[in-house]
Structure formats: structure tokens, C-alpha cells
Amino acid sequence: MRFDHDKIFAGARQSIYERQQEYEYGIRQYILSVYMYMALALVITAMTSVVFMSSTTFINLILNSPLKWILALTPVVMVLCIGKITQMSKPSALISLSIFAVLIELSLSSIFLILTNENIVSTFLTIATTFTVISIYGYITKKILGALFLFYSWVLLV
């Protein structure tokens, strides 16, 4: 009687393949959800920007009062407390993301008074393209891009 390896181990190989497919599907779903949350934050930021820029009263209220310092420092405090997000429920985390998006836009909205729309759009497109290319590169190569992030942080600072 001959020992048939292929027949015996075919079920185990199929099981490993199915688990790998399920894992990769889960990773794809997770990454898709992260990008959807980022898109939501960008939409909230854009809407905040439109509301802010359409109201001269609101612009004067923020830029000519101590409120500008509160708006400038609140996002920093939120970033320092971001570690708590893992302990939040999903609705609480989404509310925190929305609040953070609004605060970031309000704290950075004065750039609209200084820069032209073309400068802002070209900067946004450059950043979005760079992020997309780096994300695709990291997803395909499965490399951890922490060193690349550190490099770009130093480039930004210099």
C-alpha cells in the first residue's frame, strides 16, 4: 500500500489557503474602512472651510479675539489624548474624529486669508497624491513605512 501525501494533505492546504483568503479579505475591509473615515473627515473639514470663509463676522470673531488661541491649542490637546481612542466606542470615536476635523479646519483656516485658492488646491493635490502613492506602495509591498514617515517629517521641518 502506497502512502499518498497529496490526498492526505490536500485538505490541510485548502484550509490554509481559505484562512489566508479570509485574512486578506479582512485586511482589505479594514483598510477600506480607514479610508472611508479619512474621506469623512476631509468632507467635514471642507464643509467647515466653506462655512468659515463665507462669514466675515465669524472670521473677525475668531481672528480678533482670544478664541484664536483656544482654537490653535485644542487640536494639539486632542492629539496628545488620541491614545484614549482605542478605549472609545465606535460612535464616540466618530464624534471625536468629526470634532477634530472641525477644530483642525478652524485652527488652520486663516491660511485662506493669506494664500490663493490655486496654492491651496495644488498643495492639497500634492499631499493627496503623495499619500495615495505611499499607501499603495505600503499595501503592495507590505513594508512598514515608519522610517519613510520619519524621513518626510524631517523634510517637512527643514
N, C-alpha and C. Protein backbone atom coordinates (compact mmCIF):
# COMPACT_ATOMS: atom_id res chain seq x y z
N MET A 1 0.84 -1.16 0.00
CA MET A 1 0.00 0.00 0.00
C MET A 1 0.90 1.24 0.00
N ARG A 2 0.56 2.14 -0.88
CA ARG A 2 1.37 3.35 -1.05
C ARG A 2 0.78 4.52 -0.27
N PHE A 3 1.64 5.32 0.34
CA PHE A 3 1.23 6.48 1.13
C PHE A 3 1.07 7.67 0.18
N ASP A 4 -0.13 8.19 0.06
CA ASP A 4 -0.42 9.28 -0.87
C ASP A 4 -0.46 10.63 -0.13
N HIS A 5 0.66 11.35 -0.18
CA HIS A 5 0.78 12.64 0.51
C HIS A 5 -0.23 13.66 -0.01
N ASP A 6 -0.39 13.70 -1.32
CA ASP A 6 -1.26 14.72 -1.91
C ASP A 6 -2.69 14.60 -1.42
N LYS A 7 -3.18 13.37 -1.33
CA LYS A 7 -4.55 13.17 -0.88
C LYS A 7 -4.72 13.54 0.60
N ILE A 8 -3.76 13.16 1.40
CA ILE A 8 -3.86 13.38 2.84
C ILE A 8 -3.75 14.86 3.18
N PHE A 9 -2.80 15.57 2.56
CA PHE A 9 -2.55 16.95 2.91
C PHE A 9 -3.34 17.96 2.07
N ALA A 10 -4.13 17.50 1.11
CA ALA A 10 -4.91 18.42 0.27
C ALA A 10 -5.89 19.23 1.11
N GLY A 11 -6.54 18.56 2.07
CA GLY A 11 -7.49 19.27 2.93
C GLY A 11 -6.81 20.32 3.79
N ALA A 12 -5.63 20.02 4.31
CA ALA A 12 -4.89 20.97 5.14
C ALA A 12 -4.45 22.17 4.31
N ARG A 13 -3.97 21.92 3.07
CA ARG A 13 -3.56 23.02 2.20
C ARG A 13 -4.75 23.91 1.84
N GLN A 14 -5.89 23.27 1.57
CA GLN A 14 -7.08 24.04 1.24
C GLN A 14 -7.50 24.91 2.43
N SER A 15 -7.43 24.35 3.62
CA SER A 15 -7.79 25.08 4.81
C SER A 15 -6.88 26.28 5.03
N ILE A 16 -5.57 26.08 4.84
CA ILE A 16 -4.61 27.18 4.98
C ILE A 16 -4.90 28.25 3.94
N TYR A 17 -5.18 27.85 2.71
CA TYR A 17 -5.48 28.80 1.64
C TYR A 17 -6.74 29.59 1.97
N GLU A 18 -7.77 28.91 2.46
CA GLU A 18 -9.02 29.60 2.80
C GLU A 18 -8.80 30.59 3.95
N ARG A 19 -8.03 30.20 4.96
CA ARG A 19 -7.74 31.12 6.06
C ARG A 19 -6.96 32.33 5.58
N GLN A 20 -6.01 32.12 4.67
CA GLN A 20 -5.25 33.23 4.12
C GLN A 20 -6.16 34.17 3.33
N GLN A 21 -7.08 33.61 2.55
CA GLN A 21 -8.02 34.44 1.79
C GLN A 21 -8.93 35.24 2.72
N GLU A 22 -9.41 34.62 3.79
CA GLU A 22 -10.24 35.32 4.77
C GLU A 22 -9.47 36.44 5.44
N TYR A 23 -8.22 36.17 5.78
CA TYR A 23 -7.37 37.18 6.41
C TYR A 23 -7.17 38.37 5.48
N GLU A 24 -6.83 38.10 4.22
CA GLU A 24 -6.61 39.18 3.26
C GLU A 24 -7.89 39.96 3.00
N TYR A 25 -9.02 39.29 2.99
CA TYR A 25 -10.30 39.99 2.82
C TYR A 25 -10.55 40.91 4.02
N GLY A 26 -10.26 40.42 5.22
CA GLY A 26 -10.42 41.24 6.42
C GLY A 26 -9.52 42.46 6.40
N ILE A 27 -8.28 42.29 5.96
CA ILE A 27 -7.35 43.41 5.86
C ILE A 27 -7.87 44.43 4.86
N ARG A 28 -8.35 43.97 3.70
CA ARG A 28 -8.88 44.89 2.69
C ARG A 28 -10.07 45.67 3.23
N GLN A 29 -10.96 44.98 3.95
CA GLN A 29 -12.13 45.65 4.52
C GLN A 29 -11.71 46.69 5.56
N TYR A 30 -10.74 46.36 6.37
CA TYR A 30 -10.26 47.28 7.39
C TYR A 30 -9.65 48.53 6.76
N ILE A 31 -8.79 48.33 5.76
CA ILE A 31 -8.15 49.46 5.08
C ILE A 31 -9.20 50.32 4.39
N LEU A 32 -10.19 49.69 3.78
CA LEU A 32 -11.27 50.44 3.14
C LEU A 32 -12.02 51.28 4.16
N SER A 33 -12.28 50.72 5.34
CA SER A 33 -13.00 51.49 6.37
C SER A 33 -12.16 52.66 6.87
N VAL A 34 -10.84 52.48 6.99
CA VAL A 34 -9.97 53.57 7.40
C VAL A 34 -10.02 54.70 6.38
N TYR A 35 -9.94 54.35 5.11
CA TYR A 35 -10.00 55.38 4.06
C TYR A 35 -11.37 56.07 4.03
N MET A 36 -12.42 55.35 4.32
CA MET A 36 -13.75 55.97 4.36
C MET A 36 -13.84 56.97 5.51
N TYR A 37 -13.27 56.64 6.67
CA TYR A 37 -13.26 57.58 7.78
C TYR A 37 -12.42 58.82 7.45
N MET A 38 -11.31 58.61 6.76
CA MET A 38 -10.49 59.74 6.36
C MET A 38 -11.24 60.63 5.38
N ALA A 39 -11.96 60.01 4.44
CA ALA A 39 -12.76 60.79 3.49
C ALA A 39 -13.84 61.57 4.22
N LEU A 40 -14.47 60.96 5.21
CA LEU A 40 -15.48 61.65 6.01
C LEU A 40 -14.87 62.88 6.70
N ALA A 41 -13.70 62.71 7.27
CA ALA A 41 -13.04 63.84 7.94
C ALA A 41 -12.70 64.95 6.95
N LEU A 42 -12.29 64.58 5.74
CA LEU A 42 -12.00 65.60 4.73
C LEU A 42 -13.25 66.34 4.30
N VAL A 43 -14.37 65.64 4.18
CA VAL A 43 -15.63 66.29 3.82
C VAL A 43 -16.05 67.26 4.93
N ILE A 44 -15.93 66.83 6.17
CA ILE A 44 -16.27 67.71 7.31
C ILE A 44 -15.37 68.93 7.31
N THR A 45 -14.09 68.73 7.05
CA THR A 45 -13.14 69.84 7.00
C THR A 45 -13.50 70.80 5.88
N ALA A 46 -13.84 70.27 4.71
CA ALA A 46 -14.21 71.13 3.58
C ALA A 46 -15.47 71.93 3.88
N MET A 47 -16.47 71.29 4.48
CA MET A 47 -17.71 72.00 4.82
C MET A 47 -17.44 73.10 5.85
N THR A 48 -16.60 72.80 6.83
CA THR A 48 -16.24 73.81 7.83
C THR A 48 -15.54 74.99 7.16
N SER A 49 -14.68 74.69 6.21
CA SER A 49 -13.97 75.74 5.50
C SER A 49 -14.92 76.64 4.73
N VAL A 50 -15.90 76.05 4.06
CA VAL A 50 -16.87 76.84 3.30
C VAL A 50 -17.67 77.74 4.24
N VAL A 51 -18.11 77.19 5.37
CA VAL A 51 -18.89 77.98 6.33
C VAL A 51 -18.02 79.11 6.91
N PHE A 52 -16.79 78.79 7.25
CA PHE A 52 -15.90 79.79 7.84
C PHE A 52 -15.62 80.93 6.86
N MET A 53 -15.30 80.59 5.63
CA MET A 53 -14.92 81.61 4.65
C MET A 53 -16.11 82.43 4.16
N SER A 54 -17.32 81.93 4.33
CA SER A 54 -18.49 82.68 3.85
C SER A 54 -19.01 83.68 4.88
N SER A 55 -18.45 83.68 6.07
CA SER A 55 -18.93 84.57 7.12
C SER A 55 -17.81 85.48 7.62
N THR A 56 -17.84 86.73 7.22
CA THR A 56 -16.82 87.67 7.71
C THR A 56 -16.96 87.92 9.20
N THR A 57 -18.18 87.84 9.71
CA THR A 57 -18.39 88.01 11.15
C THR A 57 -17.67 86.91 11.93
N PHE A 58 -17.80 85.69 11.44
CA PHE A 58 -17.16 84.54 12.09
C PHE A 58 -15.64 84.66 12.00
N ILE A 59 -15.14 85.11 10.85
CA ILE A 59 -13.69 85.29 10.69
C ILE A 59 -13.17 86.31 11.69
N ASN A 60 -13.87 87.45 11.78
CA ASN A 60 -13.44 88.50 12.71
C ASN A 60 -13.55 88.04 14.16
N LEU A 61 -14.59 87.28 14.48
CA LEU A 61 -14.77 86.78 15.84
C LEU A 61 -13.59 85.91 16.26
N ILE A 62 -13.16 85.05 15.38
CA ILE A 62 -12.08 84.12 15.73
C ILE A 62 -10.72 84.80 15.70
N LEU A 63 -10.44 85.53 14.64
CA LEU A 63 -9.10 86.08 14.47
C LEU A 63 -8.80 87.30 15.34
N ASN A 64 -9.82 87.97 15.81
CA ASN A 64 -9.60 89.19 16.61
C ASN A 64 -9.97 89.01 18.08
N SER A 65 -9.91 87.80 18.57
CA SER A 65 -10.24 87.55 19.96
C SER A 65 -9.33 86.47 20.52
N PRO A 66 -9.36 86.28 21.82
CA PRO A 66 -8.57 85.19 22.41
C PRO A 66 -9.03 83.79 21.98
N LEU A 67 -10.17 83.73 21.35
CA LEU A 67 -10.68 82.44 20.85
C LEU A 67 -9.70 81.80 19.87
N LYS A 68 -8.91 82.62 19.17
CA LYS A 68 -7.94 82.07 18.22
C LYS A 68 -6.92 81.18 18.92
N TRP A 69 -6.55 81.52 20.16
CA TRP A 69 -5.58 80.71 20.89
C TRP A 69 -6.20 79.39 21.35
N ILE A 70 -7.45 79.45 21.74
CA ILE A 70 -8.15 78.22 22.13
C ILE A 70 -8.25 77.29 20.93
N LEU A 71 -8.63 77.85 19.77
CA LEU A 71 -8.74 77.04 18.57
C LEU A 71 -7.38 76.54 18.09
N ALA A 72 -6.33 77.27 18.35
CA ALA A 72 -5.00 76.84 17.94
C ALA A 72 -4.48 75.70 18.82
N LEU A 73 -4.81 75.73 20.11
CA LEU A 73 -4.26 74.75 21.04
C LEU A 73 -5.13 73.51 21.24
N THR A 74 -6.42 73.63 20.98
CA THR A 74 -7.31 72.48 21.20
C THR A 74 -6.95 71.26 20.35
N PRO A 75 -6.64 71.42 19.04
CA PRO A 75 -6.22 70.22 18.28
C PRO A 75 -4.96 69.57 18.84
N VAL A 76 -4.05 70.37 19.37
CA VAL A 76 -2.83 69.81 19.96
C VAL A 76 -3.18 68.95 21.17
N VAL A 77 -4.09 69.45 21.99
CA VAL A 77 -4.53 68.69 23.17
C VAL A 77 -5.22 67.40 22.72
N MET A 78 -6.03 67.49 21.68
CA MET A 78 -6.70 66.27 21.19
C MET A 78 -5.69 65.24 20.69
N VAL A 79 -4.65 65.70 20.00
CA VAL A 79 -3.62 64.77 19.52
C VAL A 79 -2.92 64.11 20.69
N LEU A 80 -2.64 64.87 21.74
CA LEU A 80 -1.99 64.29 22.92
C LEU A 80 -2.87 63.27 23.62
N CYS A 81 -4.18 63.42 23.50
CA CYS A 81 -5.13 62.50 24.14
C CYS A 81 -5.61 61.40 23.20
N ILE A 82 -5.06 61.32 22.01
CA ILE A 82 -5.57 60.39 20.99
C ILE A 82 -5.41 58.92 21.41
N GLY A 83 -4.53 58.64 22.34
CA GLY A 83 -4.36 57.27 22.81
C GLY A 83 -5.62 56.69 23.42
N LYS A 84 -6.50 57.53 23.90
CA LYS A 84 -7.75 57.07 24.51
C LYS A 84 -8.75 56.56 23.47
N ILE A 85 -8.48 56.79 22.19
CA ILE A 85 -9.45 56.41 21.16
C ILE A 85 -9.65 54.90 21.10
N THR A 86 -8.65 54.13 21.50
CA THR A 86 -8.80 52.68 21.49
C THR A 86 -9.77 52.20 22.56
N GLN A 87 -10.03 53.04 23.56
CA GLN A 87 -10.95 52.67 24.63
C GLN A 87 -12.36 53.20 24.38
N MET A 88 -12.54 53.95 23.30
CA MET A 88 -13.86 54.53 23.00
C MET A 88 -14.71 53.56 22.20
N SER A 89 -16.02 53.78 22.29
CA SER A 89 -16.92 53.04 21.41
C SER A 89 -16.80 53.64 20.01
N LYS A 90 -17.29 52.93 19.01
CA LYS A 90 -17.19 53.41 17.64
C LYS A 90 -17.92 54.75 17.45
N PRO A 91 -19.15 54.92 17.95
CA PRO A 91 -19.79 56.24 17.80
C PRO A 91 -19.01 57.37 18.48
N SER A 92 -18.45 57.11 19.65
CA SER A 92 -17.65 58.13 20.34
C SER A 92 -16.41 58.49 19.54
N ALA A 93 -15.77 57.48 18.95
CA ALA A 93 -14.58 57.73 18.15
C ALA A 93 -14.94 58.55 16.90
N LEU A 94 -16.08 58.26 16.27
CA LEU A 94 -16.50 59.03 15.10
C LEU A 94 -16.83 60.47 15.46
N ILE A 95 -17.45 60.67 16.60
CA ILE A 95 -17.74 62.03 17.07
C ILE A 95 -16.43 62.77 17.34
N SER A 96 -15.47 62.09 17.96
CA SER A 96 -14.16 62.71 18.22
C SER A 96 -13.46 63.06 16.92
N LEU A 97 -13.54 62.18 15.93
CA LEU A 97 -12.94 62.46 14.63
C LEU A 97 -13.59 63.69 13.99
N SER A 98 -14.90 63.78 14.07
CA SER A 98 -15.62 64.92 13.50
C SER A 98 -15.23 66.22 14.20
N ILE A 99 -15.18 66.19 15.51
CA ILE A 99 -14.79 67.38 16.27
C ILE A 99 -13.36 67.78 15.93
N PHE A 100 -12.48 66.79 15.84
CA PHE A 100 -11.09 67.06 15.49
C PHE A 100 -10.98 67.69 14.11
N ALA A 101 -11.76 67.18 13.14
CA ALA A 101 -11.73 67.73 11.77
C ALA A 101 -12.17 69.19 11.76
N VAL A 102 -13.22 69.50 12.52
CA VAL A 102 -13.71 70.88 12.59
C VAL A 102 -12.67 71.78 13.25
N LEU A 103 -12.09 71.32 14.36
CA LEU A 103 -11.10 72.13 15.07
C LEU A 103 -9.84 72.36 14.24
N ILE A 104 -9.40 71.33 13.53
CA ILE A 104 -8.22 71.50 12.67
C ILE A 104 -8.51 72.55 11.61
N GLU A 105 -9.68 72.47 10.99
CA GLU A 105 -10.00 73.45 9.96
C GLU A 105 -10.10 74.85 10.53
N LEU A 106 -10.74 75.00 11.67
CA LEU A 106 -10.84 76.33 12.27
C LEU A 106 -9.49 76.89 12.68
N SER A 107 -8.60 76.00 13.15
CA SER A 107 -7.29 76.49 13.58
C SER A 107 -6.39 76.82 12.39
N LEU A 108 -6.62 76.19 11.26
CA LEU A 108 -5.78 76.44 10.08
C LEU A 108 -6.46 77.32 9.04
N SER A 109 -7.67 77.73 9.30
CA SER A 109 -8.45 78.44 8.28
C SER A 109 -7.91 79.81 7.93
N SER A 110 -7.06 80.37 8.75
CA SER A 110 -6.52 81.69 8.42
C SER A 110 -5.63 81.64 7.18
N ILE A 111 -5.18 80.45 6.78
CA ILE A 111 -4.38 80.37 5.56
C ILE A 111 -5.19 80.80 4.34
N PHE A 112 -6.52 80.67 4.41
CA PHE A 112 -7.34 81.09 3.29
C PHE A 112 -7.31 82.60 3.10
N LEU A 113 -6.96 83.32 4.15
CA LEU A 113 -6.86 84.77 4.05
C LEU A 113 -5.53 85.21 3.45
N ILE A 114 -4.54 84.31 3.47
CA ILE A 114 -3.20 84.65 3.02
C ILE A 114 -2.91 84.06 1.63
N LEU A 115 -3.22 82.78 1.45
CA LEU A 115 -2.89 82.09 0.20
C LEU A 115 -4.02 82.18 -0.81
N THR A 116 -3.65 81.99 -2.07
CA THR A 116 -4.67 81.97 -3.12
C THR A 116 -5.29 80.59 -3.20
N ASN A 117 -6.44 80.51 -3.81
CA ASN A 117 -7.11 79.21 -3.97
C ASN A 117 -6.26 78.24 -4.77
N GLU A 118 -5.54 78.74 -5.77
CA GLU A 118 -4.70 77.86 -6.59
C GLU A 118 -3.58 77.23 -5.75
N ASN A 119 -2.98 78.02 -4.86
CA ASN A 119 -1.93 77.48 -3.98
C ASN A 119 -2.48 76.40 -3.06
N ILE A 120 -3.64 76.65 -2.51
CA ILE A 120 -4.24 75.69 -1.59
C ILE A 120 -4.60 74.40 -2.32
N VAL A 121 -5.21 74.52 -3.49
CA VAL A 121 -5.60 73.33 -4.26
C VAL A 121 -4.37 72.54 -4.69
N SER A 122 -3.33 73.22 -5.18
CA SER A 122 -2.14 72.49 -5.62
C SER A 122 -1.45 71.79 -4.45
N THR A 123 -1.41 72.44 -3.29
CA THR A 123 -0.83 71.81 -2.10
C THR A 123 -1.63 70.59 -1.69
N PHE A 124 -2.96 70.73 -1.67
CA PHE A 124 -3.81 69.61 -1.30
C PHE A 124 -3.63 68.44 -2.27
N LEU A 125 -3.60 68.73 -3.57
CA LEU A 125 -3.44 67.65 -4.55
C LEU A 125 -2.07 66.98 -4.43
N THR A 126 -1.04 67.75 -4.14
CA THR A 126 0.29 67.17 -3.96
C THR A 126 0.32 66.24 -2.75
N ILE A 127 -0.25 66.69 -1.65
CA ILE A 127 -0.28 65.86 -0.45
C ILE A 127 -1.14 64.62 -0.66
N ALA A 128 -2.30 64.78 -1.28
CA ALA A 128 -3.19 63.64 -1.53
C ALA A 128 -2.53 62.62 -2.45
N THR A 129 -1.85 63.09 -3.48
CA THR A 129 -1.16 62.18 -4.41
C THR A 129 -0.03 61.44 -3.71
N THR A 130 0.76 62.17 -2.93
CA THR A 130 1.87 61.53 -2.20
C THR A 130 1.33 60.48 -1.24
N PHE A 131 0.29 60.83 -0.50
CA PHE A 131 -0.30 59.87 0.43
C PHE A 131 -0.81 58.63 -0.29
N THR A 132 -1.48 58.84 -1.42
CA THR A 132 -2.03 57.71 -2.17
C THR A 132 -0.92 56.79 -2.67
N VAL A 133 0.13 57.37 -3.25
CA VAL A 133 1.23 56.57 -3.77
C VAL A 133 1.92 55.80 -2.64
N ILE A 134 2.18 56.46 -1.53
CA ILE A 134 2.83 55.79 -0.40
C ILE A 134 1.93 54.69 0.17
N SER A 135 0.63 54.95 0.24
CA SER A 135 -0.30 53.94 0.75
C SER A 135 -0.33 52.71 -0.14
N ILE A 136 -0.40 52.93 -1.45
CA ILE A 136 -0.41 51.80 -2.39
C ILE A 136 0.90 51.04 -2.31
N TYR A 137 2.01 51.76 -2.24
CA TYR A 137 3.32 51.12 -2.12
C TYR A 137 3.40 50.26 -0.86
N GLY A 138 2.96 50.81 0.26
CA GLY A 138 2.98 50.05 1.51
C GLY A 138 2.05 48.85 1.48
N TYR A 139 0.89 49.01 0.84
CA TYR A 139 -0.08 47.90 0.77
C TYR A 139 0.45 46.78 -0.11
N ILE A 140 1.05 47.13 -1.24
CA ILE A 140 1.54 46.11 -2.17
C ILE A 140 2.79 45.42 -1.63
N THR A 141 3.73 46.20 -1.11
CA THR A 141 4.99 45.60 -0.64
C THR A 141 4.90 45.05 0.77
N LYS A 142 3.84 45.44 1.49
CA LYS A 142 3.63 45.00 2.88
C LYS A 142 4.79 45.43 3.78
N LYS A 143 5.43 46.54 3.44
CA LYS A 143 6.52 47.08 4.25
C LYS A 143 5.96 48.06 5.27
N ILE A 144 6.61 48.14 6.39
CA ILE A 144 6.28 49.13 7.40
C ILE A 144 6.98 50.42 7.00
N LEU A 145 6.22 51.46 6.85
CA LEU A 145 6.77 52.70 6.30
C LEU A 145 7.08 53.74 7.38
N GLY A 146 7.36 53.30 8.58
CA GLY A 146 7.67 54.21 9.67
C GLY A 146 8.91 55.04 9.40
N ALA A 147 9.94 54.42 8.83
CA ALA A 147 11.18 55.15 8.52
C ALA A 147 10.91 56.21 7.45
N LEU A 148 10.07 55.88 6.48
CA LEU A 148 9.72 56.84 5.44
C LEU A 148 8.95 58.01 6.05
N PHE A 149 8.06 57.73 6.99
CA PHE A 149 7.32 58.79 7.68
C PHE A 149 8.28 59.69 8.44
N LEU A 150 9.26 59.09 9.12
CA LEU A 150 10.25 59.87 9.86
C LEU A 150 11.05 60.77 8.92
N PHE A 151 11.42 60.22 7.77
CA PHE A 151 12.16 61.00 6.77
C PHE A 151 11.34 62.19 6.31
N TYR A 152 10.07 61.96 5.96
CA TYR A 152 9.23 63.05 5.47
C TYR A 152 8.94 64.07 6.59
N SER A 153 8.91 63.63 7.82
CA SER A 153 8.73 64.57 8.94
C SER A 153 9.91 65.51 9.03
N TRP A 154 11.12 64.97 8.87
CA TRP A 154 12.30 65.82 8.91
C TRP A 154 12.35 66.75 7.71
N VAL A 155 11.95 66.26 6.55
CA VAL A 155 11.91 67.12 5.35
C VAL A 155 10.95 68.26 5.58
N LEU A 156 9.80 67.96 6.19
CA LEU A 156 8.81 68.99 6.47
C LEU A 156 9.35 70.03 7.45
N LEU A 157 10.09 69.59 8.46
CA LEU A 157 10.64 70.51 9.44
C LEU A 157 11.74 71.39 8.87
N VAL A 158 12.51 70.84 7.95
CA VAL A 158 13.62 71.59 7.37
C VAL A 158 13.06 72.53 6.35
